[in-house]
Amino acid sequence: MSKSTQTGNVVREAIQNRRTVKKFKKEAVPTQQIIDLLDTAVWAPNHKLREPWRFLLFSGSGLNKLADAIDAEMGEDNKFSANIKQVPSVMLVVMEEDPRQNIWDEDFAAVSALVQNFLLAAWSEDIGTFWVTKPFLYGPKFRKSLGIQAGEKIIGMVYMGYPEVIPSAKERTPAKDKLTIFE
């Protein structure tokens, strides 16, 4: 088997074996390890190397700042802020929004590719992740309290930690069932 075939198999296995993890052990992933994973993730394809992303990382007592931002938007009797404090680390992924639709689309795709790179890189180091969006991410009070500027979009939150439970795989529709071929 050639080296490129072996590498291809490793990549395919990583993609197919990664799981969305929603139950984490209490132990936090070291910040430097998260930074190292981000340094891998930024190799996502992005047109003209615009690098239209930035990140906000919350862990330890920093999760209180995120919970406070959620409370500012949702009120103090919401379920989200209490739940967020149970996750070892949470990262917001923020995209610079370009007013030109084609650039916006390219940048959104690039940031989404970055998130997928991060999820796969984390999984390769036995770190579980959960990429999620929530209604409060769009709220002005939430955004203001975390310094999210006009012209920025929160692509989502990535919960991360060491998995307590790894879910089983769920079936996917074969690509051929959704493929139109023109030859």
Foldseek 3Di string as FASTA:
>chain_A
DDPVVVVVVVVVCLVQVAFAFDAFDQDADDPVVLVVLLVQLLVFDAPPSPSFKDKDKAADCSLVLLLVLLCQFPNPPDPPSVSSNSFGMKMWIKGQADPDVVNRVRRLVRSVSSVVSSSSSCVVVQKHKHWDADPSQPGPSSCVSVVNDPRMHGSTMIGMHHHPDGDDDDDDDPVVVVDDDDD
